[in-house]
Amino acid sequence: MSYFKHHVFFCTNQREPGEACCNARGAGELRGYAKDRLKALGLSGKGQVRINSAGCLDRCDEGPVLVVYPEAVWYTYIDKDDIDEIIDVHLVGGKVVERLKI
């Protein structure tokens, strides 16, 4: 068994002004929100969920993006509601959020 049930990587890459990048679309803030929400739900830590920052995941035009392992499911998101849905449906419920999947 893996150390974490789920490992979530948020692209928080920052590019030059005018270039598409996840961080310019709020990735850093929403990563922090996801981390805090999982902690509040008691779902962070060994055997549960780990939220990490990642450098460029090379899908800037579809961003912001995150990827959930071990399933290797890629998502885009816009706001806290989307992050809540990924947490509630995928990380807790075990189902892919099809409307956010890329």
N, C-alpha and C. Protein backbone atom coordinates (compact mmCIF):
# COMPACT_ATOMS: atom_id res chain seq x y z
N MET A 1 0.84 -1.19 0.00
CA MET A 1 0.00 0.00 0.00
C MET A 1 0.88 1.25 0.00
N SER A 2 0.43 2.25 -0.72
CA SER A 2 1.14 3.51 -0.80
C SER A 2 1.07 4.25 0.55
N TYR A 3 2.01 5.11 0.79
CA TYR A 3 2.02 5.90 2.02
C TYR A 3 0.78 6.78 2.13
N PHE A 4 0.33 7.31 0.98
CA PHE A 4 -0.89 8.12 0.93
C PHE A 4 -1.93 7.41 0.07
N LYS A 5 -3.18 7.52 0.44
CA LYS A 5 -4.26 6.97 -0.39
C LYS A 5 -4.34 7.75 -1.69
N HIS A 6 -4.23 9.07 -1.59
CA HIS A 6 -4.24 9.95 -2.76
C HIS A 6 -3.11 10.96 -2.62
N HIS A 7 -2.48 11.25 -3.73
CA HIS A 7 -1.45 12.28 -3.78
C HIS A 7 -1.90 13.25 -4.86
N VAL A 8 -2.12 14.52 -4.48
CA VAL A 8 -2.65 15.52 -5.39
C VAL A 8 -1.58 16.57 -5.67
N PHE A 9 -1.26 16.72 -6.95
CA PHE A 9 -0.26 17.70 -7.36
C PHE A 9 -0.95 18.87 -8.06
N PHE A 10 -0.80 20.06 -7.49
CA PHE A 10 -1.30 21.29 -8.08
C PHE A 10 -0.16 21.95 -8.84
N CYS A 11 -0.35 22.22 -10.12
CA CYS A 11 0.64 23.01 -10.84
C CYS A 11 0.55 24.43 -10.31
N THR A 12 1.65 24.93 -9.80
CA THR A 12 1.71 26.32 -9.31
C THR A 12 2.81 27.08 -10.04
N ASN A 13 3.10 26.65 -11.25
CA ASN A 13 4.15 27.28 -12.04
C ASN A 13 3.79 28.73 -12.35
N GLN A 14 4.80 29.60 -12.27
CA GLN A 14 4.63 31.01 -12.61
C GLN A 14 5.53 31.33 -13.80
N ARG A 15 4.93 31.79 -14.87
CA ARG A 15 5.68 32.17 -16.07
C ARG A 15 5.76 33.69 -16.17
N GLU A 16 6.42 34.14 -17.18
CA GLU A 16 6.56 35.57 -17.43
C GLU A 16 5.17 36.19 -17.65
N PRO A 17 5.00 37.47 -17.30
CA PRO A 17 3.72 38.15 -17.53
C PRO A 17 3.27 38.01 -18.99
N GLY A 18 1.99 37.71 -19.15
CA GLY A 18 1.42 37.53 -20.48
C GLY A 18 1.43 36.10 -20.98
N GLU A 19 2.22 35.23 -20.36
CA GLU A 19 2.24 33.82 -20.76
C GLU A 19 1.26 33.04 -19.89
N ALA A 20 0.58 32.07 -20.51
CA ALA A 20 -0.37 31.24 -19.78
C ALA A 20 0.35 30.43 -18.71
N CYS A 21 -0.20 30.45 -17.50
CA CYS A 21 0.35 29.62 -16.43
C CYS A 21 -0.71 29.44 -15.35
N CYS A 22 -0.59 28.35 -14.63
CA CYS A 22 -1.58 28.01 -13.61
C CYS A 22 -1.59 28.99 -12.45
N ASN A 23 -0.43 29.42 -12.01
CA ASN A 23 -0.38 30.29 -10.84
C ASN A 23 -1.07 31.63 -11.09
N ALA A 24 -0.98 32.13 -12.33
CA ALA A 24 -1.66 33.38 -12.68
C ALA A 24 -3.18 33.23 -12.66
N ARG A 25 -3.65 32.00 -12.64
CA ARG A 25 -5.09 31.71 -12.60
C ARG A 25 -5.55 31.25 -11.22
N GLY A 26 -4.76 31.54 -10.20
CA GLY A 26 -5.17 31.27 -8.83
C GLY A 26 -4.79 29.93 -8.26
N ALA A 27 -3.88 29.21 -8.90
CA ALA A 27 -3.54 27.86 -8.44
C ALA A 27 -2.96 27.84 -7.03
N GLY A 28 -2.10 28.78 -6.71
CA GLY A 28 -1.48 28.79 -5.39
C GLY A 28 -2.50 28.98 -4.28
N GLU A 29 -3.41 29.91 -4.49
CA GLU A 29 -4.46 30.17 -3.49
C GLU A 29 -5.38 28.96 -3.33
N LEU A 30 -5.78 28.36 -4.45
CA LEU A 30 -6.70 27.23 -4.37
C LEU A 30 -6.01 25.97 -3.86
N ARG A 31 -4.72 25.84 -4.07
CA ARG A 31 -3.96 24.74 -3.45
C ARG A 31 -4.01 24.89 -1.93
N GLY A 32 -3.78 26.10 -1.44
CA GLY A 32 -3.85 26.36 -0.01
C GLY A 32 -5.23 26.07 0.55
N TYR A 33 -6.26 26.45 -0.21
CA TYR A 33 -7.63 26.18 0.21
C TYR A 33 -7.87 24.67 0.33
N ALA A 34 -7.42 23.90 -0.69
CA ALA A 34 -7.62 22.45 -0.66
C ALA A 34 -6.90 21.83 0.53
N LYS A 35 -5.70 22.27 0.79
CA LYS A 35 -4.91 21.75 1.91
C LYS A 35 -5.62 22.03 3.24
N ASP A 36 -6.09 23.25 3.41
CA ASP A 36 -6.82 23.62 4.64
C ASP A 36 -8.11 22.84 4.79
N ARG A 37 -8.84 22.66 3.69
CA ARG A 37 -10.12 21.94 3.77
C ARG A 37 -9.91 20.48 4.13
N LEU A 38 -8.90 19.84 3.53
CA LEU A 38 -8.62 18.44 3.87
C LEU A 38 -8.20 18.30 5.33
N LYS A 39 -7.42 19.25 5.81
CA LYS A 39 -7.01 19.23 7.20
C LYS A 39 -8.22 19.37 8.12
N ALA A 40 -9.14 20.27 7.78
CA ALA A 40 -10.35 20.48 8.58
C ALA A 40 -11.24 19.23 8.58
N LEU A 41 -11.23 18.50 7.47
CA LEU A 41 -12.02 17.27 7.37
C LEU A 41 -11.33 16.07 8.02
N GLY A 42 -10.10 16.26 8.48
CA GLY A 42 -9.34 15.17 9.07
C GLY A 42 -8.85 14.17 8.04
N LEU A 43 -8.62 14.64 6.82
CA LEU A 43 -8.24 13.74 5.72
C LEU A 43 -6.81 13.90 5.25
N SER A 44 -6.00 14.65 5.98
CA SER A 44 -4.61 14.82 5.55
C SER A 44 -3.69 13.96 6.42
N GLY A 45 -2.58 13.55 5.84
CA GLY A 45 -1.61 12.77 6.60
C GLY A 45 -1.49 11.35 6.11
N LYS A 46 -0.67 10.59 6.81
CA LYS A 46 -0.37 9.21 6.44
C LYS A 46 -1.64 8.39 6.21
N GLY A 47 -1.65 7.69 5.08
CA GLY A 47 -2.78 6.84 4.74
C GLY A 47 -3.97 7.58 4.18
N GLN A 48 -3.84 8.89 4.05
CA GLN A 48 -4.97 9.68 3.57
C GLN A 48 -4.58 10.47 2.33
N VAL A 49 -4.66 11.80 2.39
CA VAL A 49 -4.42 12.63 1.21
C VAL A 49 -3.26 13.57 1.45
N ARG A 50 -2.41 13.72 0.45
CA ARG A 50 -1.30 14.66 0.49
C ARG A 50 -1.48 15.65 -0.66
N ILE A 51 -1.44 16.94 -0.34
CA ILE A 51 -1.50 18.01 -1.34
C ILE A 51 -0.09 18.56 -1.53
N ASN A 52 0.35 18.62 -2.79
CA ASN A 52 1.67 19.15 -3.10
C ASN A 52 1.61 20.19 -4.21
N SER A 53 2.59 21.08 -4.20
CA SER A 53 2.81 21.98 -5.32
C SER A 53 3.69 21.26 -6.32
N ALA A 54 3.46 21.55 -7.59
CA ALA A 54 4.32 21.01 -8.64
C ALA A 54 4.77 22.16 -9.52
N GLY A 55 5.89 21.97 -10.15
CA GLY A 55 6.31 22.91 -11.18
C GLY A 55 5.40 22.72 -12.37
N CYS A 56 5.82 23.18 -13.51
CA CYS A 56 4.99 23.10 -14.71
C CYS A 56 4.63 21.65 -15.03
N LEU A 57 3.34 21.41 -15.21
CA LEU A 57 2.86 20.09 -15.60
C LEU A 57 2.57 20.04 -17.10
N ASP A 58 2.93 21.11 -17.81
CA ASP A 58 2.88 21.19 -19.28
C ASP A 58 1.48 21.09 -19.86
N ARG A 59 0.49 21.60 -19.13
CA ARG A 59 -0.88 21.67 -19.66
C ARG A 59 -1.45 23.06 -19.41
N CYS A 60 -0.61 24.06 -19.58
CA CYS A 60 -0.94 25.44 -19.25
C CYS A 60 -2.22 25.94 -19.93
N ASP A 61 -2.43 25.56 -21.18
CA ASP A 61 -3.60 26.04 -21.91
C ASP A 61 -4.90 25.48 -21.35
N GLU A 62 -4.83 24.44 -20.55
CA GLU A 62 -6.02 23.84 -19.95
C GLU A 62 -6.15 24.21 -18.47
N GLY A 63 -5.26 25.08 -18.01
CA GLY A 63 -5.13 25.36 -16.59
C GLY A 63 -6.11 26.33 -16.03
N PRO A 64 -6.08 26.39 -14.71
CA PRO A 64 -5.15 25.70 -13.85
C PRO A 64 -5.46 24.20 -13.80
N VAL A 65 -4.41 23.43 -13.51
CA VAL A 65 -4.57 21.98 -13.50
C VAL A 65 -4.04 21.37 -12.21
N LEU A 66 -4.59 20.19 -11.91
CA LEU A 66 -4.07 19.34 -10.84
C LEU A 66 -4.22 17.91 -11.32
N VAL A 67 -3.43 17.03 -10.71
CA VAL A 67 -3.52 15.61 -11.04
C VAL A 67 -3.57 14.81 -9.75
N VAL A 68 -4.46 13.81 -9.73
CA VAL A 68 -4.67 12.97 -8.55
C VAL A 68 -4.09 11.58 -8.83
N TYR A 69 -3.19 11.15 -7.96
CA TYR A 69 -2.62 9.81 -8.04
C TYR A 69 -3.11 9.00 -6.84
N PRO A 70 -3.28 7.70 -6.95
CA PRO A 70 -2.69 6.84 -7.96
C PRO A 70 -3.51 6.70 -9.24
N GLU A 71 -4.67 7.32 -9.32
CA GLU A 71 -5.53 7.15 -10.48
C GLU A 71 -5.03 7.87 -11.72
N ALA A 72 -4.14 8.85 -11.56
CA ALA A 72 -3.62 9.66 -12.67
C ALA A 72 -4.76 10.39 -13.40
N VAL A 73 -5.66 10.95 -12.62
CA VAL A 73 -6.77 11.72 -13.18
C VAL A 73 -6.40 13.19 -13.15
N TRP A 74 -6.50 13.83 -14.32
CA TRP A 74 -6.18 15.25 -14.47
C TRP A 74 -7.46 16.07 -14.43
N TYR A 75 -7.40 17.18 -13.68
CA TYR A 75 -8.54 18.08 -13.58
C TYR A 75 -8.12 19.52 -13.87
N THR A 76 -9.08 20.27 -14.38
CA THR A 76 -8.99 21.72 -14.38
C THR A 76 -10.02 22.22 -13.39
N TYR A 77 -9.90 23.45 -12.94
CA TYR A 77 -10.81 24.00 -11.95
C TYR A 77 -10.77 25.52 -12.06
N ILE A 78 -11.80 26.15 -11.51
CA ILE A 78 -11.91 27.59 -11.58
C ILE A 78 -11.92 28.22 -10.19
N ASP A 79 -12.63 27.59 -9.26
CA ASP A 79 -12.86 28.22 -7.97
C ASP A 79 -12.96 27.20 -6.84
N LYS A 80 -13.29 27.68 -5.65
CA LYS A 80 -13.39 26.82 -4.47
C LYS A 80 -14.48 25.77 -4.63
N ASP A 81 -15.55 26.10 -5.34
CA ASP A 81 -16.62 25.11 -5.56
C ASP A 81 -16.10 23.91 -6.34
N ASP A 82 -15.26 24.16 -7.34
CA ASP A 82 -14.68 23.06 -8.11
C ASP A 82 -13.75 22.22 -7.23
N ILE A 83 -12.94 22.88 -6.41
CA ILE A 83 -12.04 22.15 -5.49
C ILE A 83 -12.86 21.32 -4.51
N ASP A 84 -13.93 21.89 -3.97
CA ASP A 84 -14.80 21.15 -3.06
C ASP A 84 -15.37 19.91 -3.74
N GLU A 85 -15.77 20.05 -5.00
CA GLU A 85 -16.34 18.91 -5.73
C GLU A 85 -15.29 17.82 -5.94
N ILE A 86 -14.07 18.20 -6.28
CA ILE A 86 -12.99 17.22 -6.44
C ILE A 86 -12.72 16.50 -5.12
N ILE A 87 -12.70 17.26 -4.03
CA ILE A 87 -12.49 16.64 -2.72
C ILE A 87 -13.64 15.72 -2.36
N ASP A 88 -14.86 16.21 -2.45
CA ASP A 88 -16.03 15.44 -2.01
C ASP A 88 -16.30 14.22 -2.89
N VAL A 89 -16.23 14.41 -4.19
CA VAL A 89 -16.60 13.33 -5.11
C VAL A 89 -15.45 12.36 -5.35
N HIS A 90 -14.26 12.88 -5.62
CA HIS A 90 -13.14 11.99 -5.96
C HIS A 90 -12.38 11.51 -4.72
N LEU A 91 -11.87 12.45 -3.93
CA LEU A 91 -11.01 12.05 -2.82
C LEU A 91 -11.76 11.36 -1.70
N VAL A 92 -12.99 11.76 -1.46
CA VAL A 92 -13.80 11.12 -0.43
C VAL A 92 -14.67 10.01 -1.02
N GLY A 93 -15.37 10.33 -2.12
CA GLY A 93 -16.32 9.39 -2.69
C GLY A 93 -15.77 8.36 -3.65
N GLY A 94 -14.54 8.58 -4.15
CA GLY A 94 -13.92 7.60 -5.03
C GLY A 94 -14.39 7.62 -6.47
N LYS A 95 -15.10 8.69 -6.88
CA LYS A 95 -15.59 8.77 -8.26
C LYS A 95 -14.95 9.96 -8.96
N VAL A 96 -14.70 9.81 -10.24
CA VAL A 96 -14.10 10.87 -11.04
C VAL A 96 -15.15 11.96 -11.30
N VAL A 97 -14.73 13.21 -11.21
CA VAL A 97 -15.59 14.35 -11.51
C VAL A 97 -15.45 14.58 -13.01
N GLU A 98 -16.33 13.99 -13.78
CA GLU A 98 -16.21 14.01 -15.23
C GLU A 98 -16.22 15.42 -15.82
N ARG A 99 -17.01 16.33 -15.26
CA ARG A 99 -17.13 17.67 -15.84
C ARG A 99 -15.84 18.49 -15.70
N LEU A 100 -14.95 18.11 -14.79
CA LEU A 100 -13.69 18.83 -14.59
C LEU A 100 -12.49 18.07 -15.14
N LYS A 101 -12.70 16.86 -15.57
CA LYS A 101 -11.60 16.01 -16.06
C LYS A 101 -11.08 16.54 -17.40
N ILE A 102 -9.75 16.51 -17.54
CA ILE A 102 -9.15 16.87 -18.83
C ILE A 102 -8.29 15.72 -19.31
